[in-house]
Structure formats: C-alpha cells, structure tokens
Amino acid sequence: MELTEQRPVPVPAVVGLLRLTTRTAARQVALAEVLSEFCARRELDLTGIATDADLAELTARRGLYGIVLPSLAHLGAAPERVMRHRQLAEAGLQLLVVRGRPARTMTASTADRRRNRRPA
C-alpha cells in the first residue's frame, strides 16, 4: 500500500471573489493579499480574483473547487446573497470565507425571518 504523500495530489483550485463598493486600488490590493494568505495557509491554488463577476461564468469553469470570499458580504445584499450561495452550491462549488461565520446554505425563508426580526 502506498502513502498519499508518495503520490502527486493536485492542489484544489479556487477563485477569489471581491465585491468592491469602494473602488480604491489600496482596498483591492489589501483584500487580494488576505485571500492569497488564506489560500497559501490552506494549500489552495488561488487561480485568480474576480471583482463583481457573473457567477455563471465562474460556475462554468472546469476543475474549480470553490470560491474564496473575504466575508459573506462579498456575495451581495441579503436577498442576492441567498440566491448566489444557492447557485454556487448547485454548481458543486465550496464557499470558503476568510472572516466571519462559515457559510451555510440558507433558504429564502431563513433570510426573510432574519430580515423581519425586530430588536429586543
């Protein structure tokens, strides 16, 4: 029996996704560095960084393991975020989040309950 370490194992390919509300070069560079460091620590191959990309284009890429985000806010506002998260899940892509809570599949009803929740 051979050990896995003795056989070449492909590094999972990911794409960084940034939704830039403030389009400063410094902000984009800082976020790109965060994604790069995250991927390096987890032995992921960051093949590129997309800004406000069409998810259909990203989900069509062959051999892609997942999408890396600085935070879930980079998927868009709450209703859009739910739709985009579902679209990525249907494509079989992992959603990796650098900061904040790990991503999980949210249904529209969950998003509606959160939006309608009143502060105590």
Protein backbone atom coordinates (compact mmCIF):
# COMPACT_ATOMS: atom_id res chain seq x y z
CA MET A 1 0.00 0.00 0.00
CA GLU A 2 1.34 3.44 -0.94
CA LEU A 3 1.04 6.51 1.18
CA THR A 4 -0.76 9.54 -0.26
CA GLU A 5 2.35 11.66 0.33
CA GLN A 6 4.22 9.49 -2.19
CA ARG A 7 1.77 10.26 -4.97
CA PRO A 8 1.21 13.65 -6.55
CA VAL A 9 -2.01 15.17 -5.28
CA PRO A 10 -3.50 18.10 -7.17
CA VAL A 11 -3.96 21.29 -5.18
CA PRO A 12 -7.61 22.41 -5.15
CA ALA A 13 -8.15 25.38 -7.48
CA VAL A 14 -10.18 28.32 -6.17
CA VAL A 15 -11.13 31.78 -7.36
CA GLY A 16 -11.32 34.80 -5.09
CA LEU A 17 -14.47 36.88 -5.36
CA LEU A 18 -14.50 40.54 -4.35
CA ARG A 19 -17.46 42.85 -4.38
CA LEU A 20 -15.88 46.28 -4.19
CA THR A 21 -18.20 49.02 -3.02
CA THR A 22 -15.27 51.42 -2.67
CA ARG A 23 -13.08 51.03 -5.70
CA THR A 24 -9.75 52.14 -4.34
CA ALA A 25 -6.63 50.37 -5.52
CA ALA A 26 -5.33 50.08 -1.94
CA ARG A 27 -8.52 48.33 -0.78
CA GLN A 28 -8.43 45.88 -3.67
CA VAL A 29 -4.74 45.10 -3.05
CA ALA A 30 -5.34 44.57 0.68
CA LEU A 31 -8.27 42.21 0.07
CA ALA A 32 -6.32 40.30 -2.59
CA GLU A 33 -3.48 39.81 -0.07
CA VAL A 34 -5.95 38.49 2.51
CA LEU A 35 -7.28 35.96 0.01
CA SER A 36 -3.77 34.97 -1.08
CA GLU A 37 -2.58 34.39 2.50
CA PHE A 38 -5.73 32.41 3.33
CA CYS A 39 -5.20 30.15 0.31
CA ALA A 40 -1.48 29.69 0.99
CA ARG A 41 -2.18 28.60 4.60
CA ARG A 42 -4.73 26.04 3.38
CA GLU A 43 -2.74 24.81 0.37
CA LEU A 44 -5.28 26.10 -2.13
CA ASP A 45 -4.36 27.28 -5.62
CA LEU A 46 -5.75 30.80 -6.00
CA THR A 47 -6.12 30.87 -9.79
CA GLY A 48 -7.50 34.39 -9.96
CA ILE A 49 -9.55 37.10 -8.34
CA ALA A 50 -12.83 38.23 -9.85
CA THR A 51 -14.50 41.52 -8.98
CA ASP A 52 -18.27 41.64 -9.36
CA ALA A 53 -18.06 38.67 -11.70
CA ASP A 54 -21.04 36.90 -13.17
CA LEU A 55 -21.37 33.71 -11.13
CA ALA A 56 -22.49 31.77 -14.21
CA GLU A 57 -19.05 32.41 -15.67
CA LEU A 58 -17.32 31.19 -12.51
CA THR A 59 -19.52 28.12 -12.08
CA ALA A 60 -18.78 27.09 -15.67
CA ARG A 61 -15.03 26.82 -15.02
CA ARG A 62 -13.82 23.24 -15.17
CA GLY A 63 -11.79 21.83 -12.30
CA LEU A 64 -12.70 24.60 -9.87
CA TYR A 65 -13.00 23.52 -6.22
CA GLY A 66 -14.56 26.65 -4.81
CA ILE A 67 -14.87 30.38 -4.31
CA VAL A 68 -12.98 32.29 -1.61
CA LEU A 69 -14.50 35.42 -0.07
CA PRO A 70 -13.11 37.88 2.48
CA SER A 71 -16.58 37.81 4.12
CA LEU A 72 -20.10 36.80 3.16
CA ALA A 73 -20.86 40.45 2.38
CA HIS A 74 -18.90 39.97 -0.84
CA LEU A 75 -21.77 37.85 -2.17
CA GLY A 76 -24.02 40.93 -2.09
CA ALA A 77 -27.01 42.12 -0.09
CA ALA A 78 -29.04 39.53 1.84
CA PRO A 79 -31.57 38.52 -0.89
CA GLU A 80 -28.85 38.43 -3.54
CA ARG A 81 -26.52 36.57 -1.18
CA VAL A 82 -29.02 33.75 -0.68
CA MET A 83 -29.51 33.36 -4.43
CA ARG A 84 -25.77 33.43 -5.18
CA HIS A 85 -24.98 30.99 -2.38
CA ARG A 86 -27.60 28.60 -3.74
CA GLN A 87 -26.19 29.00 -7.27
CA LEU A 88 -22.68 28.09 -6.06
CA ALA A 89 -23.98 25.09 -4.09
CA GLU A 90 -25.91 23.81 -7.12
CA ALA A 91 -22.70 24.02 -9.16
CA GLY A 92 -20.94 21.89 -6.52
CA LEU A 93 -18.52 24.64 -5.54
CA GLN A 94 -17.32 25.11 -1.98
CA LEU A 95 -17.73 28.55 -0.43
CA LEU A 96 -14.73 29.46 1.70
CA VAL A 97 -14.99 32.53 3.92
CA VAL A 98 -11.90 34.22 5.42
CA ARG A 99 -13.65 36.27 8.13
CA GLY A 100 -16.91 35.79 9.96
CA ARG A 101 -19.14 32.80 10.31
CA PRO A 102 -18.64 29.92 7.91
CA ALA A 103 -21.03 29.91 5.02
CA ARG A 104 -24.02 27.62 5.21
CA THR A 105 -26.92 27.06 2.93
CA MET A 106 -29.69 29.50 3.75
CA THR A 107 -33.19 29.16 2.46
CA ALA A 108 -35.21 32.19 1.44
CA SER A 109 -37.48 31.69 4.46
CA THR A 110 -34.47 31.89 6.79
CA ALA A 111 -33.41 35.16 5.18
CA ASP A 112 -36.96 36.51 5.47
CA ARG A 113 -37.12 35.65 9.19
CA ARG A 114 -33.82 37.43 9.80
CA ARG A 115 -34.90 40.49 7.85
CA ASN A 116 -38.21 40.72 9.73
CA ARG A 117 -36.68 40.16 13.18
CA ARG A 118 -37.23 43.12 15.47
CA PRO A 119 -34.62 44.18 18.03
CA ALA A 120 -35.49 43.22 21.59
